[in-house]
């Protein structure tokens, strides 16, 4: 199984993904494809994502039973620990940085 989730993706990329996969919710695509087709789809996502972000997860023979890749900026970033891929959350960015506060005082 293959799942791709895109955020802020251009309509042309979303339309292209809908050719190969089923869009079950806005920006969520599901399908069962070969490794070669999965790599081709991900190459298309890389080429067309622009300022958006994407994550692709698929079943594989790992300890967790799946693997995933991400693309673009997001608070959730993949981290590998002891051979297992996990997700780490980055802290939220505040409106004014500390440097802005120092510069204004």
N, C-alpha and C. Protein backbone atom coordinates (compact mmCIF):
# COMPACT_ATOMS: atom_id res chain seq x y z
N UNK A 1 0.85 -1.19 0.00
CA UNK A 1 0.00 0.00 0.00
C UNK A 1 0.88 1.24 0.00
N UNK A 2 0.42 2.23 -0.64
CA UNK A 2 1.13 3.51 -0.74
C UNK A 2 0.17 4.62 -0.34
N UNK A 3 0.64 5.53 0.52
CA UNK A 3 -0.14 6.70 0.92
C UNK A 3 0.72 7.93 0.72
N UNK A 4 0.18 8.93 0.06
CA UNK A 4 0.86 10.21 -0.11
C UNK A 4 -0.07 11.30 0.40
N UNK A 5 0.48 12.18 1.24
CA UNK A 5 -0.26 13.33 1.74
C UNK A 5 0.48 14.58 1.30
N UNK A 6 -0.22 15.50 0.65
CA UNK A 6 0.39 16.75 0.22
C UNK A 6 -0.35 17.93 0.86
N UNK A 7 0.40 18.98 1.17
CA UNK A 7 -0.17 20.23 1.71
C UNK A 7 0.34 21.37 0.85
N UNK A 8 -0.52 22.30 0.55
CA UNK A 8 -0.18 23.47 -0.27
C UNK A 8 0.43 23.08 -1.62
N UNK A 9 -0.05 21.99 -2.15
CA UNK A 9 0.45 21.51 -3.45
C UNK A 9 -0.32 22.22 -4.57
N UNK A 10 0.38 22.52 -5.67
CA UNK A 10 -0.30 23.14 -6.82
C UNK A 10 -1.36 22.19 -7.39
N UNK A 11 -2.43 22.74 -7.94
CA UNK A 11 -3.49 21.89 -8.51
C UNK A 11 -3.00 20.93 -9.59
N UNK A 12 -2.00 21.34 -10.35
CA UNK A 12 -1.50 20.44 -11.41
C UNK A 12 -0.87 19.18 -10.82
N UNK A 13 -0.19 19.30 -9.67
CA UNK A 13 0.38 18.11 -9.03
C UNK A 13 -0.72 17.24 -8.45
N UNK A 14 -1.72 17.87 -7.83
CA UNK A 14 -2.83 17.09 -7.27
C UNK A 14 -3.57 16.34 -8.36
N UNK A 15 -3.75 16.97 -9.50
CA UNK A 15 -4.40 16.30 -10.62
C UNK A 15 -3.57 15.15 -11.16
N UNK A 16 -2.26 15.35 -11.20
CA UNK A 16 -1.38 14.29 -11.68
C UNK A 16 -1.40 13.09 -10.72
N UNK A 17 -1.38 13.36 -9.41
CA UNK A 17 -1.44 12.26 -8.43
C UNK A 17 -2.74 11.48 -8.56
N UNK A 18 -3.83 12.18 -8.87
CA UNK A 18 -5.13 11.52 -9.01
C UNK A 18 -5.18 10.58 -10.21
N UNK A 19 -4.23 10.72 -11.14
CA UNK A 19 -4.16 9.78 -12.27
C UNK A 19 -3.72 8.39 -11.82
N UNK A 20 -2.80 8.35 -10.84
CA UNK A 20 -2.21 7.07 -10.43
C UNK A 20 -2.79 6.52 -9.14
N UNK A 21 -3.33 7.43 -8.28
CA UNK A 21 -3.79 7.02 -6.96
C UNK A 21 -5.20 7.54 -6.72
N UNK A 22 -5.87 6.98 -5.72
CA UNK A 22 -7.22 7.41 -5.37
C UNK A 22 -7.13 8.51 -4.30
N UNK A 23 -7.77 9.65 -4.55
CA UNK A 23 -7.76 10.75 -3.58
C UNK A 23 -8.92 10.54 -2.62
N UNK A 24 -8.63 10.01 -1.42
CA UNK A 24 -9.69 9.67 -0.47
C UNK A 24 -10.12 10.87 0.37
N UNK A 25 -9.28 11.85 0.53
CA UNK A 25 -9.58 13.14 1.17
C UNK A 25 -8.74 14.18 0.43
N UNK A 26 -9.03 15.43 0.68
CA UNK A 26 -8.26 16.48 0.01
C UNK A 26 -6.78 16.34 0.35
N UNK A 27 -5.96 16.07 -0.64
CA UNK A 27 -4.52 15.96 -0.45
C UNK A 27 -4.04 14.61 0.05
N UNK A 28 -4.93 13.62 0.20
CA UNK A 28 -4.55 12.29 0.69
C UNK A 28 -4.80 11.28 -0.44
N UNK A 29 -3.74 10.63 -0.89
CA UNK A 29 -3.80 9.70 -2.03
C UNK A 29 -3.39 8.31 -1.57
N UNK A 30 -4.14 7.30 -2.02
CA UNK A 30 -3.90 5.92 -1.61
C UNK A 30 -3.87 5.05 -2.85
N UNK A 31 -2.99 4.03 -2.82
CA UNK A 31 -2.96 3.08 -3.92
C UNK A 31 -2.03 1.93 -3.62
N UNK A 32 -2.01 0.98 -4.52
CA UNK A 32 -1.08 -0.14 -4.42
C UNK A 32 -0.34 -0.21 -5.75
N UNK A 33 0.94 0.13 -5.71
CA UNK A 33 1.73 0.21 -6.93
C UNK A 33 3.07 -0.49 -6.70
N UNK A 34 3.78 -0.76 -7.77
CA UNK A 34 5.10 -1.38 -7.67
C UNK A 34 6.12 -0.36 -7.20
N UNK A 35 7.29 -0.85 -6.83
CA UNK A 35 8.37 0.04 -6.38
C UNK A 35 8.75 1.03 -7.48
N UNK A 36 8.82 0.55 -8.68
CA UNK A 36 9.20 1.40 -9.82
C UNK A 36 8.19 2.54 -10.01
N UNK A 37 6.91 2.20 -9.94
CA UNK A 37 5.87 3.23 -10.10
C UNK A 37 5.90 4.19 -8.91
N UNK A 38 6.11 3.66 -7.70
CA UNK A 38 6.20 4.52 -6.51
C UNK A 38 7.33 5.54 -6.67
N UNK A 39 8.48 5.09 -7.14
CA UNK A 39 9.61 6.00 -7.33
C UNK A 39 9.31 7.04 -8.41
N UNK A 40 8.60 6.63 -9.44
CA UNK A 40 8.22 7.57 -10.50
C UNK A 40 7.24 8.62 -9.96
N UNK A 41 6.28 8.17 -9.15
CA UNK A 41 5.32 9.11 -8.55
C UNK A 41 6.04 10.09 -7.64
N UNK A 42 6.97 9.62 -6.82
CA UNK A 42 7.70 10.50 -5.90
C UNK A 42 8.56 11.50 -6.67
N UNK A 43 9.13 11.09 -7.78
CA UNK A 43 9.89 12.02 -8.62
C UNK A 43 8.98 13.13 -9.15
N UNK A 44 7.75 12.77 -9.50
CA UNK A 44 6.78 13.78 -9.95
C UNK A 44 6.40 14.72 -8.80
N UNK A 45 6.28 14.19 -7.59
CA UNK A 45 5.97 15.04 -6.43
C UNK A 45 7.12 16.01 -6.19
N UNK A 46 8.36 15.52 -6.26
CA UNK A 46 9.54 16.39 -6.07
C UNK A 46 9.55 17.52 -7.10
N UNK A 47 9.25 17.19 -8.32
CA UNK A 47 9.28 18.20 -9.39
C UNK A 47 8.16 19.22 -9.27
N UNK A 48 7.01 18.81 -8.72
CA UNK A 48 5.86 19.70 -8.76
C UNK A 48 5.39 20.28 -7.45
N UNK A 49 6.09 20.03 -6.34
CA UNK A 49 5.57 20.44 -5.03
C UNK A 49 5.69 21.94 -4.79
N UNK A 50 6.59 22.64 -5.46
CA UNK A 50 6.82 24.09 -5.26
C UNK A 50 7.04 24.42 -3.79
N UNK A 51 6.18 25.26 -3.19
CA UNK A 51 6.35 25.68 -1.80
C UNK A 51 5.62 24.77 -0.81
N UNK A 52 4.98 23.75 -1.27
CA UNK A 52 4.22 22.86 -0.41
C UNK A 52 5.10 21.82 0.26
N UNK A 53 4.46 20.86 0.91
CA UNK A 53 5.19 19.76 1.51
C UNK A 53 4.42 18.47 1.30
N UNK A 54 5.15 17.36 1.42
CA UNK A 54 4.53 16.06 1.15
C UNK A 54 5.18 14.99 2.01
N UNK A 55 4.42 13.94 2.26
CA UNK A 55 4.95 12.75 2.91
C UNK A 55 4.41 11.55 2.15
N UNK A 56 5.27 10.55 1.97
CA UNK A 56 4.88 9.33 1.29
C UNK A 56 5.22 8.16 2.21
N UNK A 57 4.26 7.28 2.48
CA UNK A 57 4.47 6.09 3.31
C UNK A 57 4.05 4.87 2.52
N UNK A 58 4.80 3.78 2.68
CA UNK A 58 4.48 2.55 1.95
C UNK A 58 4.87 1.34 2.80
N UNK A 59 4.23 0.22 2.50
CA UNK A 59 4.53 -1.01 3.22
C UNK A 59 5.84 -1.57 2.71
N UNK A 60 6.62 -2.12 3.64
CA UNK A 60 7.90 -2.72 3.28
C UNK A 60 8.29 -3.70 4.37
N UNK A 61 9.38 -4.44 4.16
CA UNK A 61 9.83 -5.45 5.12
C UNK A 61 10.77 -4.85 6.15
N UNK A 62 10.32 -3.90 6.92
CA UNK A 62 11.11 -3.35 8.01
C UNK A 62 10.47 -3.77 9.33
N UNK A 63 11.13 -3.43 10.43
CA UNK A 63 10.60 -3.78 11.75
C UNK A 63 9.19 -3.22 11.95
N UNK A 64 8.97 -2.00 11.51
CA UNK A 64 7.65 -1.37 11.68
C UNK A 64 6.66 -1.79 10.59
N UNK A 65 7.14 -2.36 9.52
CA UNK A 65 6.25 -2.78 8.44
C UNK A 65 5.99 -1.71 7.39
N UNK A 66 6.59 -0.55 7.58
CA UNK A 66 6.42 0.53 6.61
C UNK A 66 7.65 1.42 6.62
N UNK A 67 7.74 2.26 5.63
CA UNK A 67 8.80 3.27 5.56
C UNK A 67 8.15 4.54 5.02
N UNK A 68 8.83 5.66 5.17
CA UNK A 68 8.26 6.91 4.67
C UNK A 68 9.36 7.90 4.31
N UNK A 69 9.00 8.85 3.46
CA UNK A 69 9.87 9.95 3.06
C UNK A 69 9.08 11.24 3.19
N UNK A 70 9.78 12.32 3.43
CA UNK A 70 9.12 13.62 3.49
C UNK A 70 9.80 14.58 2.52
N UNK A 71 9.09 15.62 2.21
CA UNK A 71 9.59 16.62 1.27
C UNK A 71 9.00 17.97 1.66
N UNK A 72 9.81 19.00 1.68
CA UNK A 72 9.32 20.34 2.01
C UNK A 72 9.43 20.62 3.50
N UNK A 73 9.01 21.81 3.88
CA UNK A 73 9.13 22.26 5.27
C UNK A 73 7.89 21.86 6.06
N UNK A 74 8.13 21.25 7.24
CA UNK A 74 7.06 20.85 8.13
C UNK A 74 7.64 20.74 9.52
N UNK A 75 6.79 20.89 10.55
CA UNK A 75 7.26 20.76 11.94
C UNK A 75 7.66 19.32 12.27
N UNK A 76 7.14 18.38 11.56
CA UNK A 76 7.46 16.97 11.81
C UNK A 76 8.60 16.56 10.88
N UNK A 77 9.69 16.11 11.49
CA UNK A 77 10.83 15.68 10.68
C UNK A 77 11.19 14.24 11.04
N UNK A 78 11.57 13.43 10.04
CA UNK A 78 11.96 12.05 10.33
C UNK A 78 13.31 11.98 11.03
N UNK A 79 13.39 11.10 12.02
CA UNK A 79 14.62 10.87 12.77
C UNK A 79 14.80 9.36 12.89
N UNK A 80 16.01 8.87 12.61
CA UNK A 80 16.26 7.44 12.71
C UNK A 80 16.98 7.13 14.02
N UNK A 81 16.41 6.21 14.80
CA UNK A 81 17.03 5.82 16.08
C UNK A 81 17.08 4.29 16.13
N UNK A 82 18.29 3.74 16.27
CA UNK A 82 18.49 2.29 16.33
C UNK A 82 17.85 1.57 15.16
N UNK A 83 17.91 2.16 13.99
CA UNK A 83 17.39 1.53 12.79
C UNK A 83 15.89 1.68 12.59
N UNK A 84 15.23 2.37 13.52
CA UNK A 84 13.79 2.59 13.39
C UNK A 84 13.56 4.06 13.09
N UNK A 85 12.76 4.33 12.10
CA UNK A 85 12.47 5.71 11.72
C UNK A 85 11.32 6.23 12.57
N UNK A 86 11.57 7.33 13.25
CA UNK A 86 10.56 7.98 14.09
C UNK A 86 10.31 9.40 13.58
N UNK A 87 9.39 10.10 14.23
CA UNK A 87 9.08 11.47 13.85
C UNK A 87 9.35 12.39 15.03
N UNK A 88 10.08 13.47 14.80
CA UNK A 88 10.37 14.46 15.82
C UNK A 88 9.62 15.75 15.49
N UNK A 89 9.13 16.41 16.53
CA UNK A 89 8.42 17.67 16.34
C UNK A 89 9.35 18.83 16.62
N UNK A 90 9.39 19.78 15.72
CA UNK A 90 10.16 21.00 15.94
C UNK A 90 9.30 21.96 16.76
N UNK A 91 9.92 22.80 17.59
CA UNK A 91 9.12 23.78 18.34
C UNK A 91 8.46 24.78 17.41
N UNK A 92 7.31 25.31 17.86
CA UNK A 92 6.60 26.31 17.06
C UNK A 92 7.42 27.58 16.98
N UNK A 93 7.40 28.21 15.82
CA UNK A 93 8.08 29.49 15.66
C UNK A 93 7.19 30.58 16.23
N UNK A 94 7.80 31.46 17.00
CA UNK A 94 7.04 32.58 17.56
C UNK A 94 7.04 33.74 16.60
N UNK A 95 6.04 34.63 16.77
CA UNK A 95 5.89 35.78 15.87
C UNK A 95 7.16 36.62 15.81
N UNK A 96 7.65 37.08 16.94
CA UNK A 96 8.86 37.89 17.00
C UNK A 96 9.99 37.06 17.59
N UNK A 97 11.12 37.02 16.94
CA UNK A 97 12.24 36.25 17.47
C UNK A 97 12.94 37.04 18.57
N UNK A 98 13.81 36.38 19.30
CA UNK A 98 14.56 37.05 20.37
C UNK A 98 15.44 38.16 19.81
N UNK A 99 15.96 37.97 18.60
CA UNK A 99 16.81 38.99 18.00
C UNK A 99 16.00 40.25 17.73
N UNK A 100 14.73 40.10 17.34
CA UNK A 100 13.88 41.27 17.13
C UNK A 100 13.68 42.02 18.44
N UNK A 101 13.50 41.28 19.55
CA UNK A 101 13.30 41.91 20.85
C UNK A 101 14.56 42.64 21.30
N UNK A 102 15.74 42.03 21.07
CA UNK A 102 17.01 42.66 21.45
C UNK A 102 17.23 43.93 20.62
N UNK A 103 16.95 43.87 19.34
CA UNK A 103 17.15 45.01 18.45
C UNK A 103 16.23 46.18 18.82
N UNK A 104 15.04 45.88 19.33
CA UNK A 104 14.10 46.96 19.65
C UNK A 104 14.39 47.60 21.01
N UNK A 105 15.18 46.93 21.89
CA UNK A 105 15.46 47.53 23.22
C UNK A 105 16.71 48.36 23.25
